[in-house]
Amino acid sequence: MATSTTATRKLFVNLAVRDLPRAMAFWRKLGFSFNPQFTDDHAACMIVSDDAYVMLLSEARFRDFAKKPVSDPSKQTEALYCLSASSRGEVDQLVRTAIESGGSAAAAPQDHGMVYVSSFNDPDGHHWEVAWMDPSAIQK
């Protein structure tokens, strides 16, 4: 049986973007920062947490890594990305800020009692969800 090392892993999500400066400005408005060590004219390393990062790559740079055609996330769902929030209010505020900053609404909020989720599309069309989970429900 393999030993789990998930406690030491970091997550890097790589996304193709059409306009890197616009994408960076959008995410800065949502409160995210970038690691300058891994940011240049073709890529930006957005810090989500100490263990999670989103690499925003110009489409040309993304093609250097991708072996299949790059999808257009404004027309096709490539994946659903989800960020956690500390409260229902933070969910609503982050989605509202995203829409006011050039994103668009993706779906109506969903209230499942112990989980509250709302969503937006970023300016490139990537579908992002923001979720709050009741901490007392997680402990059970």
Foldseek 3Di string as FASTA:
>chain_A
DDDDPVVPAAEEAEDEDAQVVLLQVLVVLLPWDWDPVQDDRAWTWIDLDPRYTYIYGHNVRVVVPDPDDDDQLQVDAPDEAEHEDADPVSQVVSQVSQVVSQWAFDDDWDCPPQKTKGWIAHNSNHIYIYMYGNPVVVVD
